PDB file of all heavy atoms in Angstrom:
ATOM      1  N   GLU A   1     -12.098-151.736  36.903  1.00  0.00           N
ATOM      2  CA  GLU A   1     -12.600-152.904  36.185  1.00  0.00           C
ATOM      3  C   GLU A   1     -13.575-153.696  37.061  1.00  0.00           C
ATOM      4  O   GLU A   1     -14.624-154.146  36.594  1.00  0.00           O
ATOM      5  CB  GLU A   1     -11.433-153.797  35.756  1.00  0.00           C
ATOM      6  CG  GLU A   1     -11.876-155.031  34.970  1.00  0.00           C
ATOM      7  CD  GLU A   1     -10.715-155.960  34.626  1.00  0.00           C
ATOM      8  OE1 GLU A   1      -9.562-155.624  34.955  1.00  0.00           O
ATOM      9  OE2 GLU A   1     -10.976-157.040  34.050  1.00  0.00           O
ATOM     10  N   LEU A   2     -13.212-153.851  38.332  1.00  0.00           N
ATOM     11  CA  LEU A   2     -14.109-154.545  39.265  1.00  0.00           C
ATOM     12  C   LEU A   2     -15.411-153.780  39.432  1.00  0.00           C
ATOM     13  O   LEU A   2     -16.501-154.367  39.437  1.00  0.00           O
ATOM     14  CB  LEU A   2     -13.412-154.713  40.620  1.00  0.00           C
ATOM     15  CG  LEU A   2     -14.278-155.239  41.783  1.00  0.00           C
ATOM     16  CD1 LEU A   2     -14.838-156.621  41.466  1.00  0.00           C
ATOM     17  CD2 LEU A   2     -13.461-155.273  43.072  1.00  0.00           C
ATOM     18  N   ALA A   3     -15.315-152.441  39.551  1.00  0.00           N
ATOM     19  CA  ALA A   3     -16.513-151.622  39.742  1.00  0.00           C
ATOM     20  C   ALA A   3     -17.438-151.705  38.533  1.00  0.00           C
ATOM     21  O   ALA A   3     -18.664-151.789  38.672  1.00  0.00           O
ATOM     22  CB  ALA A   3     -16.123-150.175  40.012  1.00  0.00           C
ATOM     23  N   GLU A   4     -16.851-151.698  37.317  1.00  0.00           N
ATOM     24  CA  GLU A   4     -17.670-151.782  36.100  1.00  0.00           C
ATOM     25  C   GLU A   4     -18.401-153.122  36.026  1.00  0.00           C
ATOM     26  O   GLU A   4     -19.592-153.188  35.711  1.00  0.00           O
ATOM     27  CB  GLU A   4     -16.783-151.593  34.870  1.00  0.00           C
ATOM     28  CG  GLU A   4     -16.268-150.170  34.700  1.00  0.00           C
ATOM     29  CD  GLU A   4     -15.274-150.048  33.549  1.00  0.00           C
ATOM     30  OE1 GLU A   4     -14.816-151.111  33.057  1.00  0.00           O
ATOM     31  OE2 GLU A   4     -14.948-148.915  33.161  1.00  0.00           O
ATOM     32  N   ALA A   5     -17.671-154.219  36.321  1.00  0.00           N
ATOM     33  CA  ALA A   5     -18.289-155.550  36.272  1.00  0.00           C
ATOM     34  C   ALA A   5     -19.388-155.678  37.329  1.00  0.00           C
ATOM     35  O   ALA A   5     -20.462-156.239  37.070  1.00  0.00           O
ATOM     36  CB  ALA A   5     -17.225-156.622  36.471  1.00  0.00           C
ATOM     37  N   ALA A   6     -19.121-155.156  38.539  1.00  0.00           N
ATOM     38  CA  ALA A   6     -20.115-155.226  39.614  1.00  0.00           C
ATOM     39  C   ALA A   6     -21.365-154.446  39.245  1.00  0.00           C
ATOM     40  O   ALA A   6     -22.495-154.874  39.522  1.00  0.00           O
ATOM     41  CB  ALA A   6     -19.518-154.690  40.911  1.00  0.00           C
ATOM     42  N   LEU A   7     -21.189-153.277  38.613  1.00  0.00           N
ATOM     43  CA  LEU A   7     -22.349-152.465  38.219  1.00  0.00           C
ATOM     44  C   LEU A   7     -23.189-153.193  37.179  1.00  0.00           C
ATOM     45  O   LEU A   7     -24.413-153.266  37.292  1.00  0.00           O
ATOM     46  CB  LEU A   7     -21.870-151.117  37.678  1.00  0.00           C
ATOM     47  CG  LEU A   7     -22.996-150.167  37.202  1.00  0.00           C
ATOM     48  CD1 LEU A   7     -22.681-148.726  37.581  1.00  0.00           C
ATOM     49  CD2 LEU A   7     -23.207-150.257  35.697  1.00  0.00           C
ATOM     50  N   VAL A   8     -22.523-153.754  36.139  1.00  0.00           N
ATOM     51  CA  VAL A   8     -23.267-154.452  35.089  1.00  0.00           C
ATOM     52  C   VAL A   8     -24.035-155.641  35.676  1.00  0.00           C
ATOM     53  O   VAL A   8     -25.190-155.878  35.334  1.00  0.00           O
ATOM     54  CB  VAL A   8     -22.300-154.918  33.974  1.00  0.00           C
ATOM     55  CG1 VAL A   8     -23.036-155.815  32.973  1.00  0.00           C
ATOM     56  CG2 VAL A   8     -21.711-153.718  33.256  1.00  0.00           C
ATOM     57  N   ALA A   9     -23.392-156.387  36.595  1.00  0.00           N
ATOM     58  CA  ALA A   9     -24.043-157.541  37.206  1.00  0.00           C
ATOM     59  C   ALA A   9     -25.205-157.134  38.098  1.00  0.00           C
ATOM     60  O   ALA A   9     -26.068-157.963  38.407  1.00  0.00           O
ATOM     61  CB  ALA A   9     -23.022-158.341  38.010  1.00  0.00           C
ATOM     62  N   SER A  10     -25.244-155.866  38.517  1.00  0.00           N
ATOM     63  CA  SER A  10     -26.264-155.408  39.472  1.00  0.00           C
ATOM     64  C   SER A  10     -27.348-154.553  38.845  1.00  0.00           C
ATOM     65  O   SER A  10     -28.302-154.173  39.540  1.00  0.00           O
ATOM     66  CB  SER A  10     -25.593-154.611  40.605  1.00  0.00           C
ATOM     67  OG  SER A  10     -24.619-155.380  41.269  1.00  0.00           O
ATOM     68  N   LEU A  11     -27.231-154.228  37.561  1.00  0.00           N
ATOM     69  CA  LEU A  11     -28.227-153.345  36.943  1.00  0.00           C
ATOM     70  C   LEU A  11     -29.632-153.944  36.987  1.00  0.00           C
ATOM     71  O   LEU A  11     -30.620-153.212  37.116  1.00  0.00           O
ATOM     72  CB  LEU A  11     -27.831-153.051  35.492  1.00  0.00           C
ATOM     73  CG  LEU A  11     -26.744-151.987  35.303  1.00  0.00           C
ATOM     74  CD1 LEU A  11     -26.332-151.897  33.836  1.00  0.00           C
ATOM     75  CD2 LEU A  11     -27.211-150.625  35.813  1.00  0.00           C
ATOM     76  N   ALA A  12     -29.719-155.249  36.890  1.00  0.00           N
ATOM     77  CA  ALA A  12     -31.043-155.892  36.936  1.00  0.00           C
ATOM     78  C   ALA A  12     -31.423-156.343  38.337  1.00  0.00           C
ATOM     79  O   ALA A  12     -32.491-156.930  38.530  1.00  0.00           O
ATOM     80  CB  ALA A  12     -31.061-157.091  35.987  1.00  0.00           C
ATOM     81  N   ASP A  13     -30.557-156.064  39.319  1.00  0.00           N
ATOM     82  CA  ASP A  13     -30.808-156.464  40.709  1.00  0.00           C
ATOM     83  C   ASP A  13     -31.555-155.344  41.424  1.00  0.00           C
ATOM     84  O   ASP A  13     -30.984-154.300  41.734  1.00  0.00           O
ATOM     85  CB  ASP A  13     -29.470-156.754  41.394  1.00  0.00           C
ATOM     86  CG  ASP A  13     -29.643-157.301  42.815  1.00  0.00           C
ATOM     87  OD1 ASP A  13     -30.786-157.316  43.308  1.00  0.00           O
ATOM     88  OD2 ASP A  13     -28.631-157.696  43.418  1.00  0.00           O
ATOM     89  N   GLU A  14     -32.839-155.563  41.695  1.00  0.00           N
ATOM     90  CA  GLU A  14     -33.664-154.515  42.298  1.00  0.00           C
ATOM     91  C   GLU A  14     -33.668-154.563  43.821  1.00  0.00           C
ATOM     92  O   GLU A  14     -34.422-153.833  44.461  1.00  0.00           O
ATOM     93  CB  GLU A  14     -35.105-154.619  41.787  1.00  0.00           C
ATOM     94  CG  GLU A  14     -35.270-154.212  40.335  1.00  0.00           C
ATOM     95  CD  GLU A  14     -34.833-152.768  40.098  1.00  0.00           C
ATOM     96  OE1 GLU A  14     -35.127-151.900  40.951  1.00  0.00           O
ATOM     97  OE2 GLU A  14     -34.178-152.510  39.076  1.00  0.00           O
ATOM     98  N   THR A  15     -32.837-155.409  44.407  1.00  0.00           N
ATOM     99  CA  THR A  15     -32.748-155.429  45.874  1.00  0.00           C
ATOM    100  C   THR A  15     -32.006-154.186  46.356  1.00  0.00           C
ATOM    101  O   THR A  15     -31.237-153.576  45.602  1.00  0.00           O
ATOM    102  CB  THR A  15     -32.005-156.684  46.360  1.00  0.00           C
ATOM    103  OG1 THR A  15     -30.639-156.609  45.920  1.00  0.00           O
ATOM    104  CG2 THR A  15     -32.652-157.943  45.837  1.00  0.00           C
ATOM    105  N   PRO A  16     -32.206-153.789  47.616  1.00  0.00           N
ATOM    106  CA  PRO A  16     -31.460-152.637  48.141  1.00  0.00           C
ATOM    107  C   PRO A  16     -29.949-152.822  48.034  1.00  0.00           C
ATOM    108  O   PRO A  16     -29.220-151.870  47.747  1.00  0.00           O
ATOM    109  CB  PRO A  16     -31.906-152.568  49.607  1.00  0.00           C
ATOM    110  CG  PRO A  16     -33.257-153.210  49.610  1.00  0.00           C
ATOM    111  CD  PRO A  16     -33.188-154.287  48.595  1.00  0.00           C
ATOM    112  N   GLU A  17     -29.468-154.068  48.233  1.00  0.00           N
ATOM    113  CA  GLU A  17     -28.033-154.317  48.116  1.00  0.00           C
ATOM    114  C   GLU A  17     -27.560-154.092  46.686  1.00  0.00           C
ATOM    115  O   GLU A  17     -26.510-153.479  46.437  1.00  0.00           O
ATOM    116  CB  GLU A  17     -27.709-155.748  48.556  1.00  0.00           C
ATOM    117  CG  GLU A  17     -27.881-155.996  50.035  1.00  0.00           C
ATOM    118  CD  GLU A  17     -29.292-156.442  50.394  1.00  0.00           C
ATOM    119  OE1 GLU A  17     -30.192-156.313  49.519  1.00  0.00           O
ATOM    120  OE2 GLU A  17     -29.504-156.887  51.529  1.00  0.00           O
ATOM    121  N   GLY A  18     -28.350-154.595  45.712  1.00  0.00           N
ATOM    122  CA  GLY A  18     -27.979-154.419  44.310  1.00  0.00           C
ATOM    123  C   GLY A  18     -27.942-152.953  43.911  1.00  0.00           C
ATOM    124  O   GLY A  18     -27.016-152.505  43.216  1.00  0.00           O
ATOM    125  N   ARG A  19     -28.954-152.200  44.348  1.00  0.00           N
ATOM    126  CA  ARG A  19     -28.983-150.768  44.013  1.00  0.00           C
ATOM    127  C   ARG A  19     -27.810-150.030  44.653  1.00  0.00           C
ATOM    128  O   ARG A  19     -27.278-149.079  44.085  1.00  0.00           O
ATOM    129  CB  ARG A  19     -30.312-150.164  44.464  1.00  0.00           C
ATOM    130  CG  ARG A  19     -31.502-150.642  43.631  1.00  0.00           C
ATOM    131  CD  ARG A  19     -32.729-149.769  43.871  1.00  0.00           C
ATOM    132  NE  ARG A  19     -33.225-149.905  45.235  1.00  0.00           N
ATOM    133  CZ  ARG A  19     -34.143-150.765  45.616  1.00  0.00           C
ATOM    134  NH1 ARG A  19     -34.673-151.597  44.732  1.00  0.00           N
ATOM    135  NH2 ARG A  19     -34.549-150.826  46.874  1.00  0.00           N
ATOM    136  N   SER A  20     -27.392-150.481  45.845  1.00  0.00           N
ATOM    137  CA  SER A  20     -26.268-149.804  46.514  1.00  0.00           C
ATOM    138  C   SER A  20     -24.954-150.070  45.787  1.00  0.00           C
ATOM    139  O   SER A  20     -24.063-149.222  45.782  1.00  0.00           O
ATOM    140  CB  SER A  20     -26.175-150.257  47.973  1.00  0.00           C
ATOM    141  OG  SER A  20     -25.666-151.569  48.087  1.00  0.00           O
ATOM    142  N   VAL A  21     -24.819-151.262  45.150  1.00  0.00           N
ATOM    143  CA  VAL A  21     -23.624-151.551  44.355  1.00  0.00           C
ATOM    144  C   VAL A  21     -23.549-150.603  43.163  1.00  0.00           C
ATOM    145  O   VAL A  21     -22.487-150.025  42.856  1.00  0.00           O
ATOM    146  CB  VAL A  21     -23.629-153.029  43.885  1.00  0.00           C
ATOM    147  CG1 VAL A  21     -22.495-153.271  42.884  1.00  0.00           C
ATOM    148  CG2 VAL A  21     -23.496-153.969  45.067  1.00  0.00           C
ATOM    149  N   VAL A  22     -24.672-150.426  42.489  1.00  0.00           N
ATOM    150  CA  VAL A  22     -24.730-149.510  41.346  1.00  0.00           C
ATOM    151  C   VAL A  22     -24.395-148.089  41.783  1.00  0.00           C
ATOM    152  O   VAL A  22     -23.606-147.382  41.133  1.00  0.00           O
ATOM    153  CB  VAL A  22     -26.124-149.567  40.686  1.00  0.00           C
ATOM    154  CG1 VAL A  22     -26.247-148.498  39.607  1.00  0.00           C
ATOM    155  CG2 VAL A  22     -26.384-150.950  40.109  1.00  0.00           C
ATOM    156  N   ALA A  23     -24.969-147.658  42.883  1.00  0.00           N
ATOM    157  CA  ALA A  23     -24.723-146.295  43.373  1.00  0.00           C
ATOM    158  C   ALA A  23     -23.257-146.091  43.732  1.00  0.00           C
ATOM    159  O   ALA A  23     -22.662-145.045  43.421  1.00  0.00           O
ATOM    160  CB  ALA A  23     -25.607-146.021  44.588  1.00  0.00           C
ATOM    161  N   LEU A  24     -22.629-147.088  44.374  1.00  0.00           N
ATOM    162  CA  LEU A  24     -21.222-146.960  44.764  1.00  0.00           C
ATOM    163  C   LEU A  24     -20.323-146.867  43.528  1.00  0.00           C
ATOM    164  O   LEU A  24     -19.395-146.039  43.486  1.00  0.00           O
ATOM    165  CB  LEU A  24     -20.818-148.153  45.624  1.00  0.00           C
ATOM    166  CG  LEU A  24     -19.365-148.167  46.120  1.00  0.00           C
ATOM    167  CD1 LEU A  24     -19.114-146.999  47.067  1.00  0.00           C
ATOM    168  CD2 LEU A  24     -19.048-149.497  46.821  1.00  0.00           C
ATOM    169  N   ALA A  25     -20.593-147.687  42.502  1.00  0.00           N
ATOM    170  CA  ALA A  25     -19.780-147.660  41.282  1.00  0.00           C
ATOM    171  C   ALA A  25     -19.907-146.320  40.563  1.00  0.00           C
ATOM    172  O   ALA A  25     -18.922-145.785  40.039  1.00  0.00           O
ATOM    173  CB  ALA A  25     -20.195-148.804  40.364  1.00  0.00           C
ATOM    174  N   ARG A  26     -21.082-145.763  40.550  1.00  0.00           N
ATOM    175  CA  ARG A  26     -21.292-144.483  39.860  1.00  0.00           C
ATOM    176  C   ARG A  26     -20.685-143.312  40.627  1.00  0.00           C
ATOM    177  O   ARG A  26     -20.033-142.443  40.040  1.00  0.00           O
ATOM    178  CB  ARG A  26     -22.787-144.251  39.651  1.00  0.00           C
ATOM    179  CG  ARG A  26     -23.397-145.130  38.567  1.00  0.00           C
ATOM    180  CD  ARG A  26     -24.900-144.977  38.502  1.00  0.00           C
ATOM    181  NE  ARG A  26     -25.475-145.743  37.400  1.00  0.00           N
ATOM    182  CZ  ARG A  26     -26.766-145.955  37.233  1.00  0.00           C
ATOM    183  NH1 ARG A  26     -27.640-145.473  38.134  1.00  0.00           N
ATOM    184  NH2 ARG A  26     -27.205-146.650  36.201  1.00  0.00           N
ATOM    185  N   GLU A  27     -20.879-143.301  41.921  1.00  0.00           N
ATOM    186  CA  GLU A  27     -20.443-142.145  42.709  1.00  0.00           C
ATOM    187  C   GLU A  27     -18.934-142.125  42.934  1.00  0.00           C
ATOM    188  O   GLU A  27     -18.303-141.078  42.866  1.00  0.00           O
ATOM    189  CB  GLU A  27     -21.168-142.146  44.064  1.00  0.00           C
ATOM    190  CG  GLU A  27     -22.659-141.904  43.954  1.00  0.00           C
ATOM    191  CD  GLU A  27     -23.390-142.162  45.257  1.00  0.00           C
ATOM    192  OE1 GLU A  27     -22.706-142.419  46.272  1.00  0.00           O
ATOM    193  OE2 GLU A  27     -24.635-142.135  45.260  1.00  0.00           O
ATOM    194  N   ARG A  28     -18.345-143.310  43.183  1.00  0.00           N
ATOM    195  CA  ARG A  28     -16.928-143.320  43.539  1.00  0.00           C
ATOM    196  C   ARG A  28     -16.016-143.541  42.340  1.00  0.00           C
ATOM    197  O   ARG A  28     -14.871-143.080  42.333  1.00  0.00           O
ATOM    198  CB  ARG A  28     -16.666-144.393  44.591  1.00  0.00           C
ATOM    199  CG  ARG A  28     -15.302-144.263  45.263  1.00  0.00           C
ATOM    200  CD  ARG A  28     -15.161-145.169  46.456  1.00  0.00           C
ATOM    201  NE  ARG A  28     -16.147-144.879  47.500  1.00  0.00           N
ATOM    202  CZ  ARG A  28     -16.250-145.572  48.632  1.00  0.00           C
ATOM    203  NH1 ARG A  28     -15.430-146.599  48.852  1.00  0.00           N
ATOM    204  NH2 ARG A  28     -17.171-145.254  49.533  1.00  0.00           N
ATOM    205  N   PHE A  29     -16.520-144.224  41.291  1.00  0.00           N
ATOM    206  CA  PHE A  29     -15.645-144.547  40.163  1.00  0.00           C
ATOM    207  C   PHE A  29     -16.184-144.035  38.833  1.00  0.00           C
ATOM    208  O   PHE A  29     -15.637-144.356  37.779  1.00  0.00           O
ATOM    209  CB  PHE A  29     -15.429-146.073  40.098  1.00  0.00           C
ATOM    210  CG  PHE A  29     -14.799-146.623  41.352  1.00  0.00           C
ATOM    211  CD1 PHE A  29     -15.578-147.219  42.330  1.00  0.00           C
ATOM    212  CD2 PHE A  29     -13.433-146.506  41.559  1.00  0.00           C
ATOM    213  CE1 PHE A  29     -15.009-147.717  43.488  1.00  0.00           C
ATOM    214  CE2 PHE A  29     -12.856-147.000  42.722  1.00  0.00           C
ATOM    215  CZ  PHE A  29     -13.636-147.603  43.692  1.00  0.00           C
ATOM    216  N   ASP A  30     -17.255-143.262  38.888  1.00  0.00           N
ATOM    217  CA  ASP A  30     -17.797-142.590  37.711  1.00  0.00           C
ATOM    218  C   ASP A  30     -18.121-143.561  36.571  1.00  0.00           C
ATOM    219  O   ASP A  30     -17.903-143.256  35.403  1.00  0.00           O
ATOM    220  CB  ASP A  30     -16.820-141.509  37.230  1.00  0.00           C
ATOM    221  CG  ASP A  30     -17.518-140.469  36.354  1.00  0.00           C
ATOM    222  OD1 ASP A  30     -18.729-140.239  36.561  1.00  0.00           O
ATOM    223  OD2 ASP A  30     -16.863-139.902  35.460  1.00  0.00           O
ATOM    224  N   VAL A  31     -18.632-144.747  36.954  1.00  0.00           N
ATOM    225  CA  VAL A  31     -19.072-145.701  35.944  1.00  0.00           C
ATOM    226  C   VAL A  31     -20.462-145.274  35.490  1.00  0.00           C
ATOM    227  O   VAL A  31     -21.379-145.177  36.303  1.00  0.00           O
ATOM    228  CB  VAL A  31     -19.095-147.135  36.506  1.00  0.00           C
ATOM    229  CG1 VAL A  31     -19.561-148.113  35.425  1.00  0.00           C
ATOM    230  CG2 VAL A  31     -17.722-147.529  37.019  1.00  0.00           C
ATOM    231  N   ARG A  32     -20.659-145.054  34.189  1.00  0.00           N
ATOM    232  CA  ARG A  32     -21.873-144.394  33.724  1.00  0.00           C
ATOM    233  C   ARG A  32     -22.823-145.269  32.918  1.00  0.00           C
ATOM    234  O   ARG A  32     -23.753-144.754  32.328  1.00  0.00           O
ATOM    235  CB  ARG A  32     -21.499-143.174  32.883  1.00  0.00           C
ATOM    236  CG  ARG A  32     -20.916-142.037  33.708  1.00  0.00           C
ATOM    237  CD  ARG A  32     -21.911-141.579  34.755  1.00  0.00           C
ATOM    238  NE  ARG A  32     -21.317-140.708  35.757  1.00  0.00           N
ATOM    239  CZ  ARG A  32     -21.920-140.378  36.886  1.00  0.00           C
ATOM    240  NH1 ARG A  32     -23.116-140.886  37.154  1.00  0.00           N
ATOM    241  NH2 ARG A  32     -21.331-139.582  37.747  1.00  0.00           N
ATOM    242  N   GLN A  33     -22.630-146.550  32.854  1.00  0.00           N
ATOM    243  CA  GLN A  33     -23.561-147.403  32.118  1.00  0.00           C
ATOM    244  C   GLN A  33     -24.897-147.428  32.851  1.00  0.00           C
ATOM    245  O   GLN A  33     -24.969-147.762  34.028  1.00  0.00           O
ATOM    246  CB  GLN A  33     -23.001-148.819  31.976  1.00  0.00           C
ATOM    247  CG  GLN A  33     -23.891-149.704  31.112  1.00  0.00           C
ATOM    248  CD  GLN A  33     -23.199-151.025  30.762  1.00  0.00           C
ATOM    249  OE1 GLN A  33     -21.988-151.144  30.899  1.00  0.00           O
ATOM    250  NE2 GLN A  33     -23.957-152.000  30.301  1.00  0.00           N
ATOM    251  N   ASP A  34     -25.973-147.063  32.126  1.00  0.00           N
ATOM    252  CA  ASP A  34     -27.288-146.931  32.767  1.00  0.00           C
ATOM    253  C   ASP A  34     -28.225-148.096  32.504  1.00  0.00           C
ATOM    254  O   ASP A  34     -29.213-148.264  33.211  1.00  0.00           O
ATOM    255  CB  ASP A  34     -27.967-145.640  32.292  1.00  0.00           C
ATOM    256  CG  ASP A  34     -27.209-144.411  32.760  1.00  0.00           C
ATOM    257  OD1 ASP A  34     -26.674-144.446  33.886  1.00  0.00           O
ATOM    258  OD2 ASP A  34     -27.146-143.430  32.003  1.00  0.00           O
TER     259      ASP A  34
END
């Protein structure tokens, strides 16, 4: 649940930190919202 919320909050974040949050949620927790 935390990973999904973090990914959604970071989808519009184009900073390297924001992109790394999205990558971590997808790779480790298979969150697939694009």
